[in-house]
Amino acid sequence: MGPKQHALIDIWDSYPLAIAKHSRPADKLPDIEKIVAQMFAIGDFYHYVIDVANGTVSDFNESVLRIHSLDAYPIHLKEIIDLIHPDDIGFVRNAENWSLEKIGQIGYEHQPDLKSSYCFRMKTSEDRYELFHHQAIHAATDENGLLLHSINIHTNIHHITRRNNFIVTVSGLGDLKICHQAALHPRSNGHTAPLLTKKEKEILVLLYKGLTDKEIAGSIHLSHHTVRTHHKNILRKLDCRKTAELIKKCIESGYL
């Protein structure tokens, strides 16, 4: 099956050193549920896998049907992109282009250890558009390091914020401690997020999931005092007074 036309295909085709041209099953995809558990997904969300060479999508969890009021699971990426607000498509194209350019600067060999994220509006029930947080990781590459499959997570964050600052983030997973950002809105003068330590990122994820400092301490085997110190440092770095303000700011600023 040849690649189906969608709004990102020409962007992806312009990065031949990053993305595979020929579709083939991955030798082994990482555990999707394990990946999702490590990602930021507060609110209603779904995930799926893209075969980037031909644009097919698969491995949806069933919540996609309810969230977007669909009768059947999408088959091609175009069906997902068609749910995005038309006014946001230009930003999505720019975000994908910037992300791939930045990954190239970091080094394509690091693709499996990088995550890109940004926000856009998507159609939900009754033709209403709500703000979603998009995260993508490069899940499988071929023997030449070219991307074969990407795992995407879409989370409805309309209940947290309705403001999109058009910020794109490429950040490291695991031990890769990097975070690059660009503000691609025409009125933006650029944006740089403060760099958190690996432990601060881990705690931020758990705060994002609604855990208290005491619960976090028990889950990652640290003292309550140590977790409270990390929590205070995160608030200080992001110039927030309370955790609720922190979560909202992290989403709006593109840090998550």
C-alpha atoms as a PDB file:
ATOM      1  CA  MET A   1       0.000   0.000   0.000  1.00  0.00           C
ATOM      2  CA  GLY A   2       1.416   3.358  -0.992  1.00  0.00           C
ATOM      3  CA  PRO A   3       1.403   6.346   1.333  1.00  0.00           C
ATOM      4  CA  LYS A   4      -2.002   8.012   1.656  1.00  0.00           C
ATOM      5  CA  GLN A   5      -1.979  11.765   1.209  1.00  0.00           C
ATOM      6  CA  HIS A   6      -2.297  13.707   4.434  1.00  0.00           C
ATOM      7  CA  ALA A   7      -1.311  17.175   5.622  1.00  0.00           C
ATOM      8  CA  LEU A   8       2.103  16.106   6.961  1.00  0.00           C
ATOM      9  CA  ILE A   9       3.381  13.826   4.214  1.00  0.00           C
ATOM     10  CA  ASP A  10       5.400  16.495   2.398  1.00  0.00           C
ATOM     11  CA  ILE A  11       6.961  17.599   5.710  1.00  0.00           C
ATOM     12  CA  TRP A  12       8.005  14.052   6.542  1.00  0.00           C
ATOM     13  CA  ASP A  13       9.263  13.433   2.999  1.00  0.00           C
ATOM     14  CA  SER A  14      11.631  16.382   3.346  1.00  0.00           C
ATOM     15  CA  TYR A  15      13.583  14.543   6.088  1.00  0.00           C
ATOM     16  CA  PRO A  16      14.949  11.447   4.293  1.00  0.00           C
ATOM     17  CA  LEU A  17      17.641  10.977   6.958  1.00  0.00           C
ATOM     18  CA  ALA A  18      14.987  10.619   9.647  1.00  0.00           C
ATOM     19  CA  ILE A  19      11.964   8.796   8.232  1.00  0.00           C
ATOM     20  CA  ALA A  20      11.744   5.485   6.379  1.00  0.00           C
ATOM     21  CA  LYS A  21      10.210   5.503   2.891  1.00  0.00           C
ATOM     22  CA  HIS A  22       9.161   1.854   2.881  1.00  0.00           C
ATOM     23  CA  SER A  23       6.600   0.421   5.247  1.00  0.00           C
ATOM     24  CA  ARG A  24       7.361  -2.758   7.159  1.00  0.00           C
ATOM     25  CA  PRO A  25       6.305  -4.304  10.447  1.00  0.00           C
ATOM     26  CA  ALA A  26       8.489  -3.360  13.379  1.00  0.00           C
ATOM     27  CA  ASP A  27      10.593  -6.190  14.770  1.00  0.00           C
ATOM     28  CA  LYS A  28       9.405  -5.183  18.208  1.00  0.00           C
ATOM     29  CA  LEU A  29       7.345  -2.249  19.380  1.00  0.00           C
ATOM     30  CA  PRO A  30       7.857  -1.121  22.973  1.00  0.00           C
ATOM     31  CA  ASP A  31       5.110  -1.804  25.482  1.00  0.00           C
ATOM     32  CA  ILE A  32       2.583   0.927  24.664  1.00  0.00           C
ATOM     33  CA  GLU A  33       0.864   0.815  28.050  1.00  0.00           C
ATOM     34  CA  LYS A  34       4.219   1.172  29.806  1.00  0.00           C
ATOM     35  CA  ILE A  35       5.068   4.180  27.639  1.00  0.00           C
ATOM     36  CA  VAL A  36       1.689   5.804  28.284  1.00  0.00           C
ATOM     37  CA  ALA A  37       2.166   5.351  32.019  1.00  0.00           C
ATOM     38  CA  GLN A  38       5.332   7.442  31.808  1.00  0.00           C
ATOM     39  CA  MET A  39       3.722  10.226  29.775  1.00  0.00           C
ATOM     40  CA  PHE A  40       1.585  13.159  30.859  1.00  0.00           C
ATOM     41  CA  ALA A  41      -2.058  12.210  30.372  1.00  0.00           C
ATOM     42  CA  ILE A  42      -4.293  13.908  32.921  1.00  0.00           C
ATOM     43  CA  GLY A  43      -7.765  13.863  31.448  1.00  0.00           C
ATOM     44  CA  ASP A  44      -9.477  11.822  28.761  1.00  0.00           C
ATOM     45  CA  PHE A  45      -6.924  10.410  26.316  1.00  0.00           C
ATOM     46  CA  TYR A  46      -6.235   7.783  23.683  1.00  0.00           C
ATOM     47  CA  HIS A  47      -3.128   6.449  21.967  1.00  0.00           C
ATOM     48  CA  TYR A  48      -2.341   4.911  18.607  1.00  0.00           C
ATOM     49  CA  VAL A  49       0.562   3.788  16.414  1.00  0.00           C
ATOM     50  CA  ILE A  50       1.470   5.365  13.060  1.00  0.00           C
ATOM     51  CA  ASP A  51       3.278   3.552  10.274  1.00  0.00           C
ATOM     52  CA  VAL A  52       4.952   6.720   9.010  1.00  0.00           C
ATOM     53  CA  ALA A  53       5.816   5.377   5.554  1.00  0.00           C
ATOM     54  CA  ASN A  54       2.234   4.690   4.476  1.00  0.00           C
ATOM     55  CA  GLY A  55       0.272   6.791   6.978  1.00  0.00           C
ATOM     56  CA  THR A  56      -1.755   3.910   8.398  1.00  0.00           C
ATOM     57  CA  VAL A  57      -2.791   4.015  12.052  1.00  0.00           C
ATOM     58  CA  SER A  58      -3.544   1.135  14.409  1.00  0.00           C
ATOM     59  CA  ASP A  59      -3.543  -0.080  18.019  1.00  0.00           C
ATOM     60  CA  PHE A  60      -6.083   2.477  19.234  1.00  0.00           C
ATOM     61  CA  ASN A  61      -7.546   2.135  22.671  1.00  0.00           C
ATOM     62  CA  GLU A  62     -11.332   2.253  22.529  1.00  0.00           C
ATOM     63  CA  SER A  63     -11.668   5.716  24.107  1.00  0.00           C
ATOM     64  CA  VAL A  64     -10.949   7.301  20.701  1.00  0.00           C
ATOM     65  CA  LEU A  65     -14.444   6.265  19.568  1.00  0.00           C
ATOM     66  CA  ARG A  66     -16.153   7.990  22.477  1.00  0.00           C
ATOM     67  CA  ILE A  67     -13.946  11.082  22.574  1.00  0.00           C
ATOM     68  CA  HIS A  68     -14.456  11.881  18.905  1.00  0.00           C
ATOM     69  CA  SER A  69     -17.903  10.278  18.483  1.00  0.00           C
ATOM     70  CA  LEU A  70     -16.610   7.877  15.834  1.00  0.00           C
ATOM     71  CA  ASP A  71     -18.414   4.798  14.543  1.00  0.00           C
ATOM     72  CA  ALA A  72     -15.205   2.953  13.637  1.00  0.00           C
ATOM     73  CA  TYR A  73     -11.498   3.113  14.361  1.00  0.00           C
ATOM     74  CA  PRO A  74      -9.509   5.334  11.964  1.00  0.00           C
ATOM     75  CA  ILE A  75      -7.374   3.517   9.418  1.00  0.00           C
ATOM     76  CA  HIS A  76      -5.264   6.379   8.037  1.00  0.00           C
ATOM     77  CA  LEU A  77      -3.613   9.369   9.681  1.00  0.00           C
ATOM     78  CA  LYS A  78      -5.668  11.638   7.429  1.00  0.00           C
ATOM     79  CA  GLU A  79      -8.763  10.639   9.403  1.00  0.00           C
ATOM     80  CA  ILE A  80      -7.088  11.892  12.600  1.00  0.00           C
ATOM     81  CA  ILE A  81      -5.808  15.090  11.004  1.00  0.00           C
ATOM     82  CA  ASP A  82      -9.279  15.789   9.615  1.00  0.00           C
ATOM     83  CA  LEU A  83     -10.476  16.073  13.235  1.00  0.00           C
ATOM     84  CA  ILE A  84      -8.063  18.967  13.899  1.00  0.00           C
ATOM     85  CA  HIS A  85      -9.446  22.503  13.665  1.00  0.00           C
ATOM     86  CA  PRO A  86      -8.669  23.817  10.145  1.00  0.00           C
ATOM     87  CA  ASP A  87      -7.130  26.970  11.610  1.00  0.00           C
ATOM     88  CA  ASP A  88      -4.585  24.853  13.537  1.00  0.00           C
ATOM     89  CA  ILE A  89      -3.323  22.772  10.607  1.00  0.00           C
ATOM     90  CA  GLY A  90      -0.693  25.355   9.644  1.00  0.00           C
ATOM     91  CA  PHE A  91       0.704  25.320  13.163  1.00  0.00           C
ATOM     92  CA  VAL A  92       0.745  21.509  13.233  1.00  0.00           C
ATOM     93  CA  ARG A  93       2.745  21.458   9.988  1.00  0.00           C
ATOM     94  CA  ASN A  94       5.207  24.008  11.376  1.00  0.00           C
ATOM     95  CA  ALA A  95       5.448  22.076  14.633  1.00  0.00           C
ATOM     96  CA  GLU A  96       6.282  18.818  12.837  1.00  0.00           C
ATOM     97  CA  ASN A  97       8.852  20.545  10.654  1.00  0.00           C
ATOM     98  CA  TRP A  98      10.552  22.230  13.629  1.00  0.00           C
ATOM     99  CA  SER A  99      10.520  18.997  15.659  1.00  0.00           C
ATOM    100  CA  LEU A 100      12.216  16.976  12.913  1.00  0.00           C
ATOM    101  CA  GLU A 101      14.751  19.728  12.304  1.00  0.00           C
ATOM    102  CA  LYS A 102      15.558  19.861  16.017  1.00  0.00           C
ATOM    103  CA  ILE A 103      15.845  16.067  16.246  1.00  0.00           C
ATOM    104  CA  GLY A 104      18.289  16.206  13.344  1.00  0.00           C
ATOM    105  CA  GLN A 105      20.376  18.759  15.223  1.00  0.00           C
ATOM    106  CA  ILE A 106      20.369  16.553  18.325  1.00  0.00           C
ATOM    107  CA  GLY A 107      21.199  13.494  16.223  1.00  0.00           C
ATOM    108  CA  TYR A 108      18.818  11.073  14.524  1.00  0.00           C
ATOM    109  CA  GLU A 109      20.439   8.208  16.400  1.00  0.00           C
ATOM    110  CA  HIS A 110      18.652   9.576  19.492  1.00  0.00           C
ATOM    111  CA  GLN A 111      15.170   9.339  17.936  1.00  0.00           C
ATOM    112  CA  PRO A 112      13.919   6.539  20.233  1.00  0.00           C
ATOM    113  CA  ASP A 113      14.868   8.624  23.284  1.00  0.00           C
ATOM    114  CA  LEU A 114      13.034  11.802  22.265  1.00  0.00           C
ATOM    115  CA  LYS A 115       9.478  13.037  22.651  1.00  0.00           C
ATOM    116  CA  SER A 116       7.791  15.893  20.794  1.00  0.00           C
ATOM    117  CA  SER A 117       4.693  17.638  22.110  1.00  0.00           C
ATOM    118  CA  TYR A 118       2.389  20.557  21.337  1.00  0.00           C
ATOM    119  CA  CYS A 119      -1.314  21.423  21.450  1.00  0.00           C
ATOM    120  CA  PHE A 120      -4.135  21.891  18.954  1.00  0.00           C
ATOM    121  CA  ARG A 121      -7.915  21.851  18.841  1.00  0.00           C
ATOM    122  CA  MET A 122      -9.805  18.712  17.806  1.00  0.00           C
ATOM    123  CA  LYS A 123     -13.444  18.024  17.038  1.00  0.00           C
ATOM    124  CA  THR A 124     -15.323  16.198  19.779  1.00  0.00           C
ATOM    125  CA  SER A 125     -19.067  15.654  20.108  1.00  0.00           C
ATOM    126  CA  GLU A 126     -21.641  17.867  18.391  1.00  0.00           C
ATOM    127  CA  ASP A 127     -18.971  19.430  16.135  1.00  0.00           C
ATOM    128  CA  ARG A 128     -17.382  21.178  19.128  1.00  0.00           C
ATOM    129  CA  TYR A 129     -13.624  21.838  19.098  1.00  0.00           C
ATOM    130  CA  GLU A 130     -11.650  21.380  22.308  1.00  0.00           C
ATOM    131  CA  LEU A 131      -7.948  21.738  23.141  1.00  0.00           C
ATOM    132  CA  PHE A 132      -5.840  18.556  23.046  1.00  0.00           C
ATOM    133  CA  HIS A 133      -2.278  17.894  24.140  1.00  0.00           C
ATOM    134  CA  HIS A 134      -0.342  15.856  21.556  1.00  0.00           C
ATOM    135  CA  GLN A 135       2.701  13.735  22.442  1.00  0.00           C
ATOM    136  CA  ALA A 136       4.708  11.585  20.038  1.00  0.00           C
ATOM    137  CA  ILE A 137       7.630   9.271  20.574  1.00  0.00           C
ATOM    138  CA  HIS A 138       9.628   7.534  17.854  1.00  0.00           C
ATOM    139  CA  ALA A 139       8.944   3.954  18.854  1.00  0.00           C
ATOM    140  CA  ALA A 140      10.702   1.864  16.208  1.00  0.00           C
ATOM    141  CA  THR A 141      13.494   2.489  13.702  1.00  0.00           C
ATOM    142  CA  ASP A 142      15.055   0.282  11.019  1.00  0.00           C
ATOM    143  CA  GLU A 143      18.655  -0.919  10.850  1.00  0.00           C
ATOM    144  CA  ASN A 144      19.653   2.463   9.389  1.00  0.00           C
ATOM    145  CA  GLY A 145      18.018   4.440  12.180  1.00  0.00           C
ATOM    146  CA  LEU A 146      15.101   5.608  10.013  1.00  0.00           C
ATOM    147  CA  LEU A 147      11.760   6.008  11.762  1.00  0.00           C
ATOM    148  CA  LEU A 148       9.257   3.212  11.103  1.00  0.00           C
ATOM    149  CA  HIS A 149       6.585   3.705  13.769  1.00  0.00           C
ATOM    150  CA  SER A 150       5.520   6.494  16.099  1.00  0.00           C
ATOM    151  CA  ILE A 151       3.309   6.197  19.175  1.00  0.00           C
ATOM    152  CA  ASN A 152       1.022   9.200  19.628  1.00  0.00           C
ATOM    153  CA  ILE A 153      -1.013  10.178  22.676  1.00  0.00           C
ATOM    154  CA  HIS A 154      -3.831  12.729  22.500  1.00  0.00           C
ATOM    155  CA  THR A 155      -5.186  14.084  25.785  1.00  0.00           C
ATOM    156  CA  ASN A 156      -8.198  16.363  26.104  1.00  0.00           C
ATOM    157  CA  ILE A 157      -7.040  19.279  28.298  1.00  0.00           C
ATOM    158  CA  HIS A 158     -10.047  21.538  27.677  1.00  0.00           C
ATOM    159  CA  HIS A 159     -10.961  21.218  31.375  1.00  0.00           C
ATOM    160  CA  ILE A 160      -7.522  22.573  32.377  1.00  0.00           C
ATOM    161  CA  THR A 161      -6.911  25.324  29.835  1.00  0.00           C
ATOM    162  CA  ARG A 162      -8.368  26.564  26.575  1.00  0.00           C
ATOM    163  CA  ARG A 163      -5.366  28.697  25.658  1.00  0.00           C
ATOM    164  CA  ASN A 164      -2.838  27.449  23.158  1.00  0.00           C
ATOM    165  CA  ASN A 165       0.495  29.274  23.212  1.00  0.00           C
ATOM    166  CA  PHE A 166       1.635  27.435  20.066  1.00  0.00           C
ATOM    167  CA  ILE A 167       4.785  26.164  21.758  1.00  0.00           C
ATOM    168  CA  VAL A 168       6.527  23.021  20.513  1.00  0.00           C
ATOM    169  CA  THR A 169       8.751  20.935  22.777  1.00  0.00           C
ATOM    170  CA  VAL A 170      11.315  18.255  21.993  1.00  0.00           C
ATOM    171  CA  SER A 171      12.506  16.647  25.203  1.00  0.00           C
ATOM    172  CA  GLY A 172      14.579  13.660  26.238  1.00  0.00           C
ATOM    173  CA  LEU A 173      13.191  10.484  27.740  1.00  0.00           C
ATOM    174  CA  GLY A 174      14.882   8.510  30.485  1.00  0.00           C
ATOM    175  CA  ASP A 175      18.464   9.620  31.017  1.00  0.00           C
ATOM    176  CA  LEU A 176      18.558  12.006  28.037  1.00  0.00           C
ATOM    177  CA  LYS A 177      18.341  15.331  29.900  1.00  0.00           C
ATOM    178  CA  ILE A 178      17.472  17.820  27.169  1.00  0.00           C
ATOM    179  CA  CYS A 179      14.530  20.118  26.512  1.00  0.00           C
ATOM    180  CA  HIS A 180      14.247  22.358  23.454  1.00  0.00           C
ATOM    181  CA  GLN A 181      11.311  24.628  22.704  1.00  0.00           C
ATOM    182  CA  ALA A 182      10.080  27.020  20.059  1.00  0.00           C
ATOM    183  CA  ALA A 183       7.094  29.350  20.081  1.00  0.00           C
ATOM    184  CA  LEU A 184       5.709  29.219  16.550  1.00  0.00           C
ATOM    185  CA  HIS A 185       2.877  31.685  16.925  1.00  0.00           C
ATOM    186  CA  PRO A 186       3.373  34.763  14.693  1.00  0.00           C
ATOM    187  CA  ARG A 187       3.063  37.065  17.707  1.00  0.00           C
ATOM    188  CA  SER A 188       5.488  35.111  19.869  1.00  0.00           C
ATOM    189  CA  ASN A 189       9.033  36.225  20.638  1.00  0.00           C
ATOM    190  CA  GLY A 190      10.239  32.735  21.551  1.00  0.00           C
ATOM    191  CA  HIS A 191      10.228  30.680  24.702  1.00  0.00           C
ATOM    192  CA  THR A 192      12.655  28.616  26.721  1.00  0.00           C
ATOM    193  CA  ALA A 193      11.572  26.343  29.545  1.00  0.00           C
ATOM    194  CA  PRO A 194      13.648  25.990  32.699  1.00  0.00           C
ATOM    195  CA  LEU A 195      15.447  22.640  32.700  1.00  0.00           C
ATOM    196  CA  LEU A 196      14.341  20.324  35.485  1.00  0.00           C
ATOM    197  CA  THR A 197      16.459  17.523  36.873  1.00  0.00           C
ATOM    198  CA  LYS A 198      15.528  13.899  36.151  1.00  0.00           C
ATOM    199  CA  LYS A 199      14.091  13.506  39.657  1.00  0.00           C
ATOM    200  CA  GLU A 200      12.123  16.763  39.375  1.00  0.00           C
ATOM    201  CA  LYS A 201      10.633  15.550  36.078  1.00  0.00           C
ATOM    202  CA  GLU A 202       9.666  12.270  37.737  1.00  0.00           C
ATOM    203  CA  ILE A 203       7.967  14.106  40.583  1.00  0.00           C
ATOM    204  CA  LEU A 204       6.268  16.533  38.195  1.00  0.00           C
ATOM    205  CA  VAL A 205       4.676  13.581  36.371  1.00  0.00           C
ATOM    206  CA  LEU A 206       3.293  12.263  39.652  1.00  0.00           C
ATOM    207  CA  LEU A 207       2.053  15.703  40.704  1.00  0.00           C
ATOM    208  CA  TYR A 208       0.383  15.937  37.311  1.00  0.00           C
ATOM    209  CA  LYS A 209      -1.383  12.644  38.070  1.00  0.00           C
ATOM    210  CA  GLY A 210      -2.757  14.087  41.291  1.00  0.00           C
ATOM    211  CA  LEU A 211      -0.535  12.404  43.886  1.00  0.00           C
ATOM    212  CA  THR A 212       0.315  14.167  47.146  1.00  0.00           C
ATOM    213  CA  ASP A 213       3.899  14.627  48.339  1.00  0.00           C
ATOM    214  CA  LYS A 214       3.374  11.808  50.842  1.00  0.00           C
ATOM    215  CA  GLU A 215       2.035   9.460  48.170  1.00  0.00           C
ATOM    216  CA  ILE A 216       4.910  10.363  45.845  1.00  0.00           C
ATOM    217  CA  ALA A 217       7.433   9.664  48.600  1.00  0.00           C
ATOM    218  CA  GLY A 218       6.008   6.179  49.040  1.00  0.00           C
ATOM    219  CA  SER A 219       5.871   5.406  45.327  1.00  0.00           C
ATOM    220  CA  ILE A 220       9.472   6.382  44.508  1.00  0.00           C
ATOM    221  CA  HIS A 221      11.037   5.448  47.857  1.00  0.00           C
ATOM    222  CA  LEU A 222      12.150   8.895  49.004  1.00  0.00           C
ATOM    223  CA  SER A 223      11.541  10.647  52.291  1.00  0.00           C
ATOM    224  CA  HIS A 224       8.579  12.989  52.574  1.00  0.00           C
ATOM    225  CA  HIS A 225      10.998  15.837  53.292  1.00  0.00           C
ATOM    226  CA  THR A 226      13.021  15.170  50.125  1.00  0.00           C
ATOM    227  CA  VAL A 227       9.908  15.118  47.953  1.00  0.00           C
ATOM    228  CA  ARG A 228       8.670  18.361  49.515  1.00  0.00           C
ATOM    229  CA  THR A 229      12.035  19.967  48.739  1.00  0.00           C
ATOM    230  CA  HIS A 230      11.884  18.838  45.107  1.00  0.00           C
ATOM    231  CA  HIS A 231       8.273  20.048  44.901  1.00  0.00           C
ATOM    232  CA  LYS A 232       9.267  23.491  46.196  1.00  0.00           C
ATOM    233  CA  ASN A 233      12.164  23.660  43.730  1.00  0.00           C
ATOM    234  CA  ILE A 234       9.832  22.868  40.823  1.00  0.00           C
ATOM    235  CA  LEU A 235       7.424  25.595  41.927  1.00  0.00           C
ATOM    236  CA  ARG A 236      10.320  28.057  42.247  1.00  0.00           C
ATOM    237  CA  LYS A 237      11.806  27.236  38.825  1.00  0.00           C
ATOM    238  CA  LEU A 238       8.432  27.645  37.136  1.00  0.00           C
ATOM    239  CA  ASP A 239       7.470  30.692  39.225  1.00  0.00           C
ATOM    240  CA  CYS A 240       4.285  29.182  40.647  1.00  0.00           C
ATOM    241  CA  ARG A 241       2.752  29.365  44.121  1.00  0.00           C
ATOM    242  CA  LYS A 242       0.488  26.294  44.066  1.00  0.00           C
ATOM    243  CA  THR A 243       0.463  22.901  42.354  1.00  0.00           C
ATOM    244  CA  ALA A 244      -2.768  23.628  40.455  1.00  0.00           C
ATOM    245  CA  GLU A 245      -1.157  26.768  39.024  1.00  0.00           C
ATOM    246  CA  LEU A 246       1.952  24.729  38.221  1.00  0.00           C
ATOM    247  CA  ILE A 247       0.049  22.125  36.180  1.00  0.00           C
ATOM    248  CA  LYS A 248      -1.914  24.724  34.245  1.00  0.00           C
ATOM    249  CA  LYS A 249       1.237  26.747  33.529  1.00  0.00           C
ATOM    250  CA  CYS A 250       3.192  23.665  32.440  1.00  0.00           C
ATOM    251  CA  ILE A 251       0.537  22.817  29.864  1.00  0.00           C
ATOM    252  CA  GLU A 252       0.090  26.369  28.603  1.00  0.00           C
ATOM    253  CA  SER A 253       3.814  26.945  28.361  1.00  0.00           C
ATOM    254  CA  GLY A 254       4.425  23.699  26.494  1.00  0.00           C
ATOM    255  CA  TYR A 255       6.653  22.317  29.221  1.00  0.00           C
ATOM    256  CA  LEU A 256       4.607  19.105  29.386  1.00  0.00           C
END
